[in-house]
Full PDB file with SEQRES, HELIX, SHEET, SSBOND, CRYST1, ORIGX, SCALE, CONECT and MASTER records, all heavy atoms in Angstrom:
SEQRES   1 A   36  PHE LEU TYR LEU PRO TRP SER LYS LYS GLU GLY LYS ASN          
SEQRES   2 A   36  GLU GLY TYR CYS ILE LEU SER PHE VAL ASP GLY ARG ASP          
SEQRES   3 A   36  ALA GLN ASP PHE PHE LEU GLU PHE TYR GLY                      
HELIX    1 AA1 GLY A   24  PHE A   34  1                                  11    
SHEET    1 AA1 2 LEU A   2  TYR A   3  0                                        
SHEET    2 AA1 2 ILE A  18  LEU A  19 -1                                        
SHEET    1 AA2 2 TRP A   6  SER A   7  0                                        
SHEET    2 AA2 2 LYS A  12  ASN A  13 -1                                        
CRYST1    1.000    1.000    1.000  90.00  90.00  90.00 P 1           1          
ORIGX1      1.000000  0.000000  0.000000        0.00000                         
ORIGX2      0.000000  1.000000  0.000000        0.00000                         
ORIGX3      0.000000  0.000000  1.000000        0.00000                         
SCALE1      1.000000  0.000000  0.000000        0.00000                         
SCALE2      0.000000  1.000000  0.000000        0.00000                         
SCALE3      0.000000  0.000000  1.000000        0.00000                         
ATOM      1  N   PHE A   1     -18.136 -17.708  15.261  1.00  0.00           N  
ATOM      2  CA  PHE A   1     -19.479 -17.695  14.576  1.00  0.00           C  
ATOM      3  C   PHE A   1     -19.396 -17.954  13.112  1.00  0.00           C  
ATOM      4  O   PHE A   1     -18.449 -17.469  12.466  1.00  0.00           O  
ATOM      5  CB  PHE A   1     -20.100 -16.434  14.801  1.00  0.00           C  
ATOM      6  CG  PHE A   1     -21.464 -16.245  14.086  1.00  0.00           C  
ATOM      7  CD1 PHE A   1     -22.613 -16.569  14.842  1.00  0.00           C  
ATOM      8  CD2 PHE A   1     -21.608 -15.742  12.896  1.00  0.00           C  
ATOM      9  CE1 PHE A   1     -23.846 -16.428  14.305  1.00  0.00           C  
ATOM     10  CE2 PHE A   1     -22.901 -15.379  12.361  1.00  0.00           C  
ATOM     11  CZ  PHE A   1     -24.014 -15.887  13.006  1.00  0.00           C  
ATOM     12  N   LEU A   2     -20.328 -18.824  12.541  1.00  0.00           N  
ATOM     13  CA  LEU A   2     -20.396 -19.064  11.170  1.00  0.00           C  
ATOM     14  C   LEU A   2     -21.968 -19.141  10.837  1.00  0.00           C  
ATOM     15  O   LEU A   2     -22.566 -20.009  11.602  1.00  0.00           O  
ATOM     16  CB  LEU A   2     -19.745 -20.252  10.740  1.00  0.00           C  
ATOM     17  CG  LEU A   2     -19.648 -20.541   9.164  1.00  0.00           C  
ATOM     18  CD1 LEU A   2     -18.301 -21.056   8.767  1.00  0.00           C  
ATOM     19  CD2 LEU A   2     -20.588 -21.573   8.838  1.00  0.00           C  
ATOM     20  N   TYR A   3     -22.372 -18.622   9.764  1.00  0.00           N  
ATOM     21  CA  TYR A   3     -23.866 -18.664   9.489  1.00  0.00           C  
ATOM     22  C   TYR A   3     -23.878 -18.711   7.796  1.00  0.00           C  
ATOM     23  O   TYR A   3     -23.534 -17.656   7.237  1.00  0.00           O  
ATOM     24  CB  TYR A   3     -24.710 -17.606  10.024  1.00  0.00           C  
ATOM     25  CG  TYR A   3     -26.139 -17.764   9.631  1.00  0.00           C  
ATOM     26  CD1 TYR A   3     -26.732 -19.134   9.469  1.00  0.00           C  
ATOM     27  CD2 TYR A   3     -26.982 -16.793   9.452  1.00  0.00           C  
ATOM     28  CE1 TYR A   3     -28.224 -19.180   9.283  1.00  0.00           C  
ATOM     29  CE2 TYR A   3     -28.365 -16.780   9.181  1.00  0.00           C  
ATOM     30  CZ  TYR A   3     -28.850 -17.965   9.095  1.00  0.00           C  
ATOM     31  OH  TYR A   3     -30.249 -18.047   8.765  1.00  0.00           O  
ATOM     32  N   LEU A   4     -24.340 -19.762   7.211  1.00  0.00           N  
ATOM     33  CA  LEU A   4     -24.543 -19.699   5.720  1.00  0.00           C  
ATOM     34  C   LEU A   4     -26.112 -19.879   5.580  1.00  0.00           C  
ATOM     35  O   LEU A   4     -26.531 -21.078   5.683  1.00  0.00           O  
ATOM     36  CB  LEU A   4     -23.814 -20.933   5.169  1.00  0.00           C  
ATOM     37  CG  LEU A   4     -24.066 -21.224   3.559  1.00  0.00           C  
ATOM     38  CD1 LEU A   4     -23.560 -20.045   2.952  1.00  0.00           C  
ATOM     39  CD2 LEU A   4     -23.163 -22.529   3.232  1.00  0.00           C  
ATOM     40  N   PRO A   5     -26.771 -18.885   5.316  1.00  0.00           N  
ATOM     41  CA  PRO A   5     -28.298 -18.964   5.196  1.00  0.00           C  
ATOM     42  C   PRO A   5     -28.708 -19.978   4.063  1.00  0.00           C  
ATOM     43  O   PRO A   5     -28.097 -19.905   3.069  1.00  0.00           O  
ATOM     44  CB  PRO A   5     -28.684 -17.546   4.868  1.00  0.00           C  
ATOM     45  CG  PRO A   5     -27.632 -16.699   5.431  1.00  0.00           C  
ATOM     46  CD  PRO A   5     -26.423 -17.457   5.259  1.00  0.00           C  
ATOM     47  N   TRP A   6     -29.623 -20.730   4.395  1.00  0.00           N  
ATOM     48  CA  TRP A   6     -30.119 -21.848   3.539  1.00  0.00           C  
ATOM     49  C   TRP A   6     -31.583 -21.676   3.159  1.00  0.00           C  
ATOM     50  O   TRP A   6     -32.319 -21.367   4.119  1.00  0.00           O  
ATOM     51  CB  TRP A   6     -29.890 -23.187   4.049  1.00  0.00           C  
ATOM     52  CG  TRP A   6     -30.105 -24.351   3.137  1.00  0.00           C  
ATOM     53  CD1 TRP A   6     -31.397 -25.044   3.052  1.00  0.00           C  
ATOM     54  CD2 TRP A   6     -29.304 -24.830   2.193  1.00  0.00           C  
ATOM     55  NE1 TRP A   6     -31.213 -26.032   2.008  1.00  0.00           N  
ATOM     56  CE2 TRP A   6     -30.005 -25.870   1.520  1.00  0.00           C  
ATOM     57  CE3 TRP A   6     -27.959 -24.828   1.849  1.00  0.00           C  
ATOM     58  CZ2 TRP A   6     -29.512 -26.777   0.459  1.00  0.00           C  
ATOM     59  CZ3 TRP A   6     -27.377 -25.503   0.946  1.00  0.00           C  
ATOM     60  CH2 TRP A   6     -28.075 -26.507   0.328  1.00  0.00           C  
ATOM     61  N   SER A   7     -31.919 -21.650   1.926  1.00  0.00           N  
ATOM     62  CA  SER A   7     -33.294 -21.636   1.495  1.00  0.00           C  
ATOM     63  C   SER A   7     -33.885 -23.081   1.285  1.00  0.00           C  
ATOM     64  O   SER A   7     -33.482 -23.733   0.500  1.00  0.00           O  
ATOM     65  CB  SER A   7     -33.403 -20.845   0.168  1.00  0.00           C  
ATOM     66  OG  SER A   7     -34.876 -20.879  -0.257  1.00  0.00           O  
ATOM     67  N   LYS A   8     -34.569 -23.454   2.333  1.00  0.00           N  
ATOM     68  CA  LYS A   8     -35.148 -24.779   2.252  1.00  0.00           C  
ATOM     69  C   LYS A   8     -36.202 -24.922   1.136  1.00  0.00           C  
ATOM     70  O   LYS A   8     -36.260 -25.994   0.409  1.00  0.00           O  
ATOM     71  CB  LYS A   8     -35.867 -25.286   3.510  1.00  0.00           C  
ATOM     72  CG  LYS A   8     -34.940 -25.418   4.713  1.00  0.00           C  
ATOM     73  CD  LYS A   8     -35.670 -25.724   5.858  1.00  0.00           C  
ATOM     74  CE  LYS A   8     -34.570 -25.942   7.007  1.00  0.00           C  
ATOM     75  NZ  LYS A   8     -35.244 -26.155   8.289  1.00  0.00           N  
ATOM     76  N   LYS A   9     -36.784 -23.870   0.635  1.00  0.00           N  
ATOM     77  CA  LYS A   9     -37.830 -23.817  -0.387  1.00  0.00           C  
ATOM     78  C   LYS A   9     -37.070 -23.999  -1.730  1.00  0.00           C  
ATOM     79  O   LYS A   9     -37.565 -24.832  -2.520  1.00  0.00           O  
ATOM     80  CB  LYS A   9     -38.493 -22.393  -0.371  1.00  0.00           C  
ATOM     81  CG  LYS A   9     -39.581 -22.386  -1.380  1.00  0.00           C  
ATOM     82  CD  LYS A   9     -40.256 -20.968  -1.449  1.00  0.00           C  
ATOM     83  CE  LYS A   9     -41.187 -20.817  -2.581  1.00  0.00           C  
ATOM     84  NZ  LYS A   9     -41.737 -19.546  -2.468  1.00  0.00           N  
ATOM     85  N   GLU A  10     -35.929 -23.364  -1.940  1.00  0.00           N  
ATOM     86  CA  GLU A  10     -35.191 -23.499  -3.153  1.00  0.00           C  
ATOM     87  C   GLU A  10     -34.156 -24.693  -3.051  1.00  0.00           C  
ATOM     88  O   GLU A  10     -33.548 -25.029  -4.090  1.00  0.00           O  
ATOM     89  CB  GLU A  10     -34.536 -22.190  -3.490  1.00  0.00           C  
ATOM     90  CG  GLU A  10     -35.451 -21.043  -3.875  1.00  0.00           C  
ATOM     91  CD  GLU A  10     -34.861 -19.741  -4.038  1.00  0.00           C  
ATOM     92  OE1 GLU A  10     -33.686 -19.807  -4.791  1.00  0.00           O  
ATOM     93  OE2 GLU A  10     -35.431 -18.737  -3.848  1.00  0.00           O  
ATOM     94  N   GLY A  11     -33.755 -25.195  -1.994  1.00  0.00           N  
ATOM     95  CA  GLY A  11     -32.844 -26.330  -1.754  1.00  0.00           C  
ATOM     96  C   GLY A  11     -31.440 -25.828  -2.131  1.00  0.00           C  
ATOM     97  O   GLY A  11     -30.635 -26.553  -2.649  1.00  0.00           O  
ATOM     98  N   LYS A  12     -31.068 -24.545  -1.746  1.00  0.00           N  
ATOM     99  CA  LYS A  12     -29.757 -24.108  -1.902  1.00  0.00           C  
ATOM    100  C   LYS A  12     -29.368 -22.963  -0.887  1.00  0.00           C  
ATOM    101  O   LYS A  12     -30.314 -22.436  -0.302  1.00  0.00           O  
ATOM    102  CB  LYS A  12     -29.504 -23.606  -3.359  1.00  0.00           C  
ATOM    103  CG  LYS A  12     -30.474 -22.359  -3.690  1.00  0.00           C  
ATOM    104  CD  LYS A  12     -30.197 -21.946  -5.084  1.00  0.00           C  
ATOM    105  CE  LYS A  12     -30.982 -20.689  -5.448  1.00  0.00           C  
ATOM    106  NZ  LYS A  12     -30.656 -20.063  -6.726  1.00  0.00           N  
ATOM    107  N   ASN A  13     -28.159 -22.745  -0.874  1.00  0.00           N  
ATOM    108  CA  ASN A  13     -27.689 -21.607   0.100  1.00  0.00           C  
ATOM    109  C   ASN A  13     -28.036 -20.220  -0.593  1.00  0.00           C  
ATOM    110  O   ASN A  13     -28.162 -20.167  -1.726  1.00  0.00           O  
ATOM    111  CB  ASN A  13     -26.247 -21.656   0.554  1.00  0.00           C  
ATOM    112  CG  ASN A  13     -25.285 -21.384  -0.502  1.00  0.00           C  
ATOM    113  OD1 ASN A  13     -25.310 -20.431  -1.184  1.00  0.00           O  
ATOM    114  ND2 ASN A  13     -24.416 -22.392  -0.637  1.00  0.00           N  
ATOM    115  N   GLU A  14     -27.920 -19.044   0.256  1.00  0.00           N  
ATOM    116  CA  GLU A  14     -28.109 -17.899  -0.243  1.00  0.00           C  
ATOM    117  C   GLU A  14     -27.001 -17.277  -0.985  1.00  0.00           C  
ATOM    118  O   GLU A  14     -27.199 -16.109  -1.459  1.00  0.00           O  
ATOM    119  CB  GLU A  14     -28.622 -16.922   0.910  1.00  0.00           C  
ATOM    120  CG  GLU A  14     -29.870 -17.386   1.502  1.00  0.00           C  
ATOM    121  CD  GLU A  14     -31.299 -17.277   0.667  1.00  0.00           C  
ATOM    122  OE1 GLU A  14     -31.199 -16.326  -0.260  1.00  0.00           O  
ATOM    123  OE2 GLU A  14     -32.282 -17.994   0.952  1.00  0.00           O  
ATOM    124  N   GLY A  15     -25.884 -17.779  -1.016  1.00  0.00           N  
ATOM    125  CA  GLY A  15     -24.691 -17.303  -1.746  1.00  0.00           C  
ATOM    126  C   GLY A  15     -23.740 -16.526  -1.081  1.00  0.00           C  
ATOM    127  O   GLY A  15     -22.733 -16.145  -1.446  1.00  0.00           O  
ATOM    128  N   TYR A  16     -24.094 -16.268   0.312  1.00  0.00           N  
ATOM    129  CA  TYR A  16     -23.086 -15.626   1.213  1.00  0.00           C  
ATOM    130  C   TYR A  16     -23.091 -16.291   2.707  1.00  0.00           C  
ATOM    131  O   TYR A  16     -23.935 -17.009   3.013  1.00  0.00           O  
ATOM    132  CB  TYR A  16     -23.539 -14.216   1.283  1.00  0.00           C  
ATOM    133  CG  TYR A  16     -24.800 -13.933   2.221  1.00  0.00           C  
ATOM    134  CD1 TYR A  16     -24.716 -13.817   3.491  1.00  0.00           C  
ATOM    135  CD2 TYR A  16     -26.042 -13.909   1.576  1.00  0.00           C  
ATOM    136  CE1 TYR A  16     -25.854 -13.565   4.330  1.00  0.00           C  
ATOM    137  CE2 TYR A  16     -27.154 -13.715   2.283  1.00  0.00           C  
ATOM    138  CZ  TYR A  16     -26.997 -13.531   3.664  1.00  0.00           C  
ATOM    139  OH  TYR A  16     -28.265 -13.464   4.437  1.00  0.00           O  
ATOM    140  N   CYS A  17     -22.063 -15.933   3.381  1.00  0.00           N  
ATOM    141  CA  CYS A  17     -21.807 -16.609   4.655  1.00  0.00           C  
ATOM    142  C   CYS A  17     -21.262 -15.336   5.530  1.00  0.00           C  
ATOM    143  O   CYS A  17     -20.606 -14.545   5.023  1.00  0.00           O  
ATOM    144  CB  CYS A  17     -20.806 -17.665   4.589  1.00  0.00           C  
ATOM    145  SG  CYS A  17     -20.526 -18.317   6.365  1.00  0.00           S  
ATOM    146  N   ILE A  18     -21.781 -15.322   6.787  1.00  0.00           N  
ATOM    147  CA  ILE A  18     -21.331 -14.422   7.860  1.00  0.00           C  
ATOM    148  C   ILE A  18     -20.362 -15.215   8.750  1.00  0.00           C  
ATOM    149  O   ILE A  18     -20.771 -16.276   9.208  1.00  0.00           O  
ATOM    150  CB  ILE A  18     -22.421 -13.848   8.602  1.00  0.00           C  
ATOM    151  CG1 ILE A  18     -23.265 -13.054   7.556  1.00  0.00           C  
ATOM    152  CG2 ILE A  18     -21.753 -12.730   9.707  1.00  0.00           C  
ATOM    153  CD1 ILE A  18     -24.599 -12.577   8.351  1.00  0.00           C  
ATOM    154  N   LEU A  19     -19.135 -14.826   8.844  1.00  0.00           N  
ATOM    155  CA  LEU A  19     -18.135 -15.457   9.754  1.00  0.00           C  
ATOM    156  C   LEU A  19     -17.664 -14.410  10.804  1.00  0.00           C  
ATOM    157  O   LEU A  19     -17.439 -13.315  10.439  1.00  0.00           O  
ATOM    158  CB  LEU A  19     -16.978 -15.990   9.127  1.00  0.00           C  
ATOM    159  CG  LEU A  19     -17.291 -16.865   7.871  1.00  0.00           C  
ATOM    160  CD1 LEU A  19     -17.167 -16.217   6.488  1.00  0.00           C  
ATOM    161  CD2 LEU A  19     -16.222 -18.160   7.866  1.00  0.00           C  
ATOM    162  N   SER A  20     -17.278 -14.884  11.902  1.00  0.00           N  
ATOM    163  CA  SER A  20     -16.750 -13.881  12.916  1.00  0.00           C  
ATOM    164  C   SER A  20     -15.525 -14.502  13.432  1.00  0.00           C  
ATOM    165  O   SER A  20     -15.543 -15.838  13.849  1.00  0.00           O  
ATOM    166  CB  SER A  20     -17.641 -13.471  13.941  1.00  0.00           C  
ATOM    167  OG  SER A  20     -17.140 -12.422  14.732  1.00  0.00           O  
ATOM    168  N   PHE A  21     -14.453 -13.884  13.759  1.00  0.00           N  
ATOM    169  CA  PHE A  21     -13.181 -14.505  14.316  1.00  0.00           C  
ATOM    170  C   PHE A  21     -12.973 -13.938  15.719  1.00  0.00           C  
ATOM    171  O   PHE A  21     -13.409 -12.930  16.164  1.00  0.00           O  
ATOM    172  CB  PHE A  21     -12.028 -14.201  13.347  1.00  0.00           C  
ATOM    173  CG  PHE A  21     -12.305 -14.747  11.902  1.00  0.00           C  
ATOM    174  CD1 PHE A  21     -12.905 -14.033  10.920  1.00  0.00           C  
ATOM    175  CD2 PHE A  21     -11.738 -15.915  11.669  1.00  0.00           C  
ATOM    176  CE1 PHE A  21     -13.143 -14.689   9.743  1.00  0.00           C  
ATOM    177  CE2 PHE A  21     -11.896 -16.600  10.419  1.00  0.00           C  
ATOM    178  CZ  PHE A  21     -12.670 -15.984   9.443  1.00  0.00           C  
ATOM    179  N   VAL A  22     -12.068 -14.666  16.418  1.00  0.00           N  
ATOM    180  CA  VAL A  22     -11.739 -14.313  17.815  1.00  0.00           C  
ATOM    181  C   VAL A  22     -10.873 -13.214  17.735  1.00  0.00           C  
ATOM    182  O   VAL A  22     -11.066 -12.197  18.536  1.00  0.00           O  
ATOM    183  CB  VAL A  22     -11.011 -15.607  18.444  1.00  0.00           C  
ATOM    184  CG1 VAL A  22     -10.610 -15.117  19.831  1.00  0.00           C  
ATOM    185  CG2 VAL A  22     -11.884 -16.705  18.471  1.00  0.00           C  
ATOM    186  N   ASP A  23      -9.994 -13.072  16.664  1.00  0.00           N  
ATOM    187  CA  ASP A  23      -9.045 -12.041  16.559  1.00  0.00           C  
ATOM    188  C   ASP A  23      -9.010 -11.349  15.329  1.00  0.00           C  
ATOM    189  O   ASP A  23      -9.366 -12.023  14.372  1.00  0.00           O  
ATOM    190  CB  ASP A  23      -7.632 -12.588  16.943  1.00  0.00           C  
ATOM    191  CG  ASP A  23      -6.504 -11.585  16.993  1.00  0.00           C  
ATOM    192  OD1 ASP A  23      -6.095 -11.207  15.982  1.00  0.00           O  
ATOM    193  OD2 ASP A  23      -6.254 -11.247  18.180  1.00  0.00           O  
ATOM    194  N   GLY A  24      -8.809 -10.090  15.092  1.00  0.00           N  
ATOM    195  CA  GLY A  24      -8.729  -9.372  13.840  1.00  0.00           C  
ATOM    196  C   GLY A  24      -7.690  -9.830  12.986  1.00  0.00           C  
ATOM    197  O   GLY A  24      -7.855  -9.810  11.705  1.00  0.00           O  
ATOM    198  N   ARG A  25      -6.632 -10.265  13.568  1.00  0.00           N  
ATOM    199  CA  ARG A  25      -5.484 -10.888  12.671  1.00  0.00           C  
ATOM    200  C   ARG A  25      -5.987 -12.118  11.932  1.00  0.00           C  
ATOM    201  O   ARG A  25      -5.627 -12.259  10.758  1.00  0.00           O  
ATOM    202  CB  ARG A  25      -4.250 -11.064  13.460  1.00  0.00           C  
ATOM    203  CG  ARG A  25      -3.516  -9.809  13.960  1.00  0.00           C  
ATOM    204  CD  ARG A  25      -2.506 -10.037  14.840  1.00  0.00           C  
ATOM    205  NE  ARG A  25      -3.076 -10.735  16.113  1.00  0.00           N  
ATOM    206  CZ  ARG A  25      -2.540 -10.731  17.228  1.00  0.00           C  
ATOM    207  NH1 ARG A  25      -1.353 -10.333  17.430  1.00  0.00           N  
ATOM    208  NH2 ARG A  25      -3.261 -11.265  18.328  1.00  0.00           N  
ATOM    209  N   ASP A  26      -6.811 -12.946  12.622  1.00  0.00           N  
ATOM    210  CA  ASP A  26      -7.323 -14.094  11.894  1.00  0.00           C  
ATOM    211  C   ASP A  26      -8.298 -13.701  10.859  1.00  0.00           C  
ATOM    212  O   ASP A  26      -8.250 -14.399   9.814  1.00  0.00           O  
ATOM    213  CB  ASP A  26      -7.974 -15.048  13.037  1.00  0.00           C  
ATOM    214  CG  ASP A  26      -7.074 -15.498  13.987  1.00  0.00           C  
ATOM    215  OD1 ASP A  26      -5.997 -15.744  13.725  1.00  0.00           O  
ATOM    216  OD2 ASP A  26      -7.526 -15.624  15.187  1.00  0.00           O  
ATOM    217  N   ALA A  27      -9.056 -12.653  11.047  1.00  0.00           N  
ATOM    218  CA  ALA A  27     -10.040 -12.252   9.982  1.00  0.00           C  
ATOM    219  C   ALA A  27      -9.165 -11.727   8.751  1.00  0.00           C  
ATOM    220  O   ALA A  27      -9.561 -12.049   7.714  1.00  0.00           O  
ATOM    221  CB  ALA A  27     -10.866 -11.070  10.479  1.00  0.00           C  
ATOM    222  N   GLN A  28      -8.053 -11.076   9.021  1.00  0.00           N  
ATOM    223  CA  GLN A  28      -7.241 -10.545   7.906  1.00  0.00           C  
ATOM    224  C   GLN A  28      -6.588 -11.812   7.285  1.00  0.00           C  
ATOM    225  O   GLN A  28      -6.658 -11.767   5.975  1.00  0.00           O  
ATOM    226  CB  GLN A  28      -6.033  -9.634   8.434  1.00  0.00           C  
ATOM    227  CG  GLN A  28      -5.264  -8.973   7.480  1.00  0.00           C  
ATOM    228  CD  GLN A  28      -4.232  -8.116   7.946  1.00  0.00           C  
ATOM    229  OE1 GLN A  28      -4.056  -8.072   9.238  1.00  0.00           O  
ATOM    230  NE2 GLN A  28      -3.628  -7.143   7.133  1.00  0.00           N  
ATOM    231  N   ASP A  29      -6.140 -12.796   7.960  1.00  0.00           N  
ATOM    232  CA  ASP A  29      -5.600 -13.967   7.374  1.00  0.00           C  
ATOM    233  C   ASP A  29      -6.662 -14.710   6.430  1.00  0.00           C  
ATOM    234  O   ASP A  29      -6.275 -15.165   5.363  1.00  0.00           O  
ATOM    235  CB  ASP A  29      -5.022 -14.996   8.400  1.00  0.00           C  
ATOM    236  CG  ASP A  29      -3.782 -14.357   9.103  1.00  0.00           C  
ATOM    237  OD1 ASP A  29      -3.099 -13.468   8.609  1.00  0.00           O  
ATOM    238  OD2 ASP A  29      -3.361 -14.788  10.122  1.00  0.00           O  
ATOM    239  N   PHE A  30      -7.892 -14.732   7.027  1.00  0.00           N  
ATOM    240  CA  PHE A  30      -8.905 -15.311   6.208  1.00  0.00           C  
ATOM    241  C   PHE A  30      -9.143 -14.564   4.810  1.00  0.00           C  
ATOM    242  O   PHE A  30      -9.291 -15.075   3.866  1.00  0.00           O  
ATOM    243  CB  PHE A  30     -10.241 -15.211   7.050  1.00  0.00           C  
ATOM    244  CG  PHE A  30     -11.378 -15.920   6.442  1.00  0.00           C  
ATOM    245  CD1 PHE A  30     -11.643 -17.280   6.386  1.00  0.00           C  
ATOM    246  CD2 PHE A  30     -12.348 -15.221   5.603  1.00  0.00           C  
ATOM    247  CE1 PHE A  30     -12.669 -17.855   5.723  1.00  0.00           C  
ATOM    248  CE2 PHE A  30     -13.297 -15.662   4.931  1.00  0.00           C  
ATOM    249  CZ  PHE A  30     -13.489 -17.027   5.006  1.00  0.00           C  
ATOM    250  N   PHE A  31      -9.128 -13.302   4.982  1.00  0.00           N  
ATOM    251  CA  PHE A  31      -9.317 -12.464   3.736  1.00  0.00           C  
ATOM    252  C   PHE A  31      -8.181 -12.761   2.741  1.00  0.00           C  
ATOM    253  O   PHE A  31      -8.537 -13.114   1.552  1.00  0.00           O  
ATOM    254  CB  PHE A  31      -9.248 -10.969   4.090  1.00  0.00           C  
ATOM    255  CG  PHE A  31      -9.217 -10.092   2.900  1.00  0.00           C  
ATOM    256  CD1 PHE A  31     -10.502  -9.609   2.269  1.00  0.00           C  
ATOM    257  CD2 PHE A  31      -8.052  -9.698   2.270  1.00  0.00           C  
ATOM    258  CE1 PHE A  31     -10.657  -8.913   1.227  1.00  0.00           C  
ATOM    259  CE2 PHE A  31      -8.047  -8.915   1.113  1.00  0.00           C  
ATOM    260  CZ  PHE A  31      -9.255  -8.424   0.563  1.00  0.00           C  
ATOM    261  N   LEU A  32      -6.927 -12.939   3.131  1.00  0.00           N  
ATOM    262  CA  LEU A  32      -6.024 -13.275   2.317  1.00  0.00           C  
ATOM    263  C   LEU A  32      -5.966 -14.602   1.607  1.00  0.00           C  
ATOM    264  O   LEU A  32      -5.581 -14.930   0.545  1.00  0.00           O  
ATOM    265  CB  LEU A  32      -4.504 -13.066   2.957  1.00  0.00           C  
ATOM    266  CG  LEU A  32      -4.191 -11.660   3.486  1.00  0.00           C  
ATOM    267  CD1 LEU A  32      -2.972 -11.648   4.328  1.00  0.00           C  
ATOM    268  CD2 LEU A  32      -4.017 -10.698   2.262  1.00  0.00           C  
ATOM    269  N   GLU A  33      -6.486 -15.573   2.387  1.00  0.00           N  
ATOM    270  CA  GLU A  33      -6.759 -17.034   2.072  1.00  0.00           C  
ATOM    271  C   GLU A  33      -7.826 -17.196   1.056  1.00  0.00           C  
ATOM    272  O   GLU A  33      -7.646 -17.971   0.219  1.00  0.00           O  
ATOM    273  CB  GLU A  33      -6.826 -17.822   3.291  1.00  0.00           C  
ATOM    274  CG  GLU A  33      -7.154 -19.214   2.944  1.00  0.00           C  
ATOM    275  CD  GLU A  33      -5.950 -20.099   2.313  1.00  0.00           C  
ATOM    276  OE1 GLU A  33      -4.736 -19.698   2.502  1.00  0.00           O  
ATOM    277  OE2 GLU A  33      -6.170 -21.035   1.640  1.00  0.00           O  
ATOM    278  N   PHE A  34      -8.904 -16.477   1.307  1.00  0.00           N  
ATOM    279  CA  PHE A  34     -10.166 -16.765   0.534  1.00  0.00           C  
ATOM    280  C   PHE A  34     -10.429 -15.773  -0.569  1.00  0.00           C  
ATOM    281  O   PHE A  34     -10.998 -16.174  -1.520  1.00  0.00           O  
ATOM    282  CB  PHE A  34     -11.341 -16.936   1.546  1.00  0.00           C  
ATOM    283  CG  PHE A  34     -11.401 -18.279   2.086  1.00  0.00           C  
ATOM    284  CD1 PHE A  34     -10.622 -18.477   3.311  1.00  0.00           C  
ATOM    285  CD2 PHE A  34     -12.073 -19.387   1.700  1.00  0.00           C  
ATOM    286  CE1 PHE A  34     -10.553 -19.665   4.121  1.00  0.00           C  
ATOM    287  CE2 PHE A  34     -12.151 -20.581   2.291  1.00  0.00           C  
ATOM    288  CZ  PHE A  34     -11.375 -20.698   3.508  1.00  0.00           C  
ATOM    289  N   TYR A  35     -10.146 -14.512  -0.438  1.00  0.00           N  
ATOM    290  CA  TYR A  35     -10.543 -13.544  -1.519  1.00  0.00           C  
ATOM    291  C   TYR A  35      -9.929 -13.797  -2.842  1.00  0.00           C  
ATOM    292  O   TYR A  35      -8.768 -14.006  -2.947  1.00  0.00           O  
ATOM    293  CB  TYR A  35      -9.944 -12.110  -1.042  1.00  0.00           C  
ATOM    294  CG  TYR A  35     -10.413 -11.159  -1.998  1.00  0.00           C  
ATOM    295  CD1 TYR A  35     -11.808 -10.556  -1.855  1.00  0.00           C  
ATOM    296  CD2 TYR A  35      -9.600 -10.638  -2.931  1.00  0.00           C  
ATOM    297  CE1 TYR A  35     -12.217  -9.597  -2.828  1.00  0.00           C  
ATOM    298  CE2 TYR A  35     -10.024  -9.598  -3.829  1.00  0.00           C  
ATOM    299  CZ  TYR A  35     -11.277  -9.166  -3.799  1.00  0.00           C  
ATOM    300  OH  TYR A  35     -11.747  -8.195  -4.753  1.00  0.00           O  
ATOM    301  N   GLY A  36     -10.924 -13.845  -3.865  1.00  0.00           N  
ATOM    302  CA  GLY A  36     -10.404 -14.163  -5.195  1.00  0.00           C  
ATOM    303  C   GLY A  36     -10.153 -15.710  -5.525  1.00  0.00           C  
ATOM    304  O   GLY A  36      -9.748 -16.061  -6.714  1.00  0.00           O  
TER     305      GLY A  36                                                      
MASTER        0    0    0    1    4    0    0    6  304    1    0    3          
END                                                                             
């Protein structure tokens, strides 16, 4: 799952995204890759 809410009125995204992973280890790897 991936959802990046978009404001059509403002023409930009809302600044956050919700992602869901098949496995918790993949979520942990994502954290290590993207955080910071």
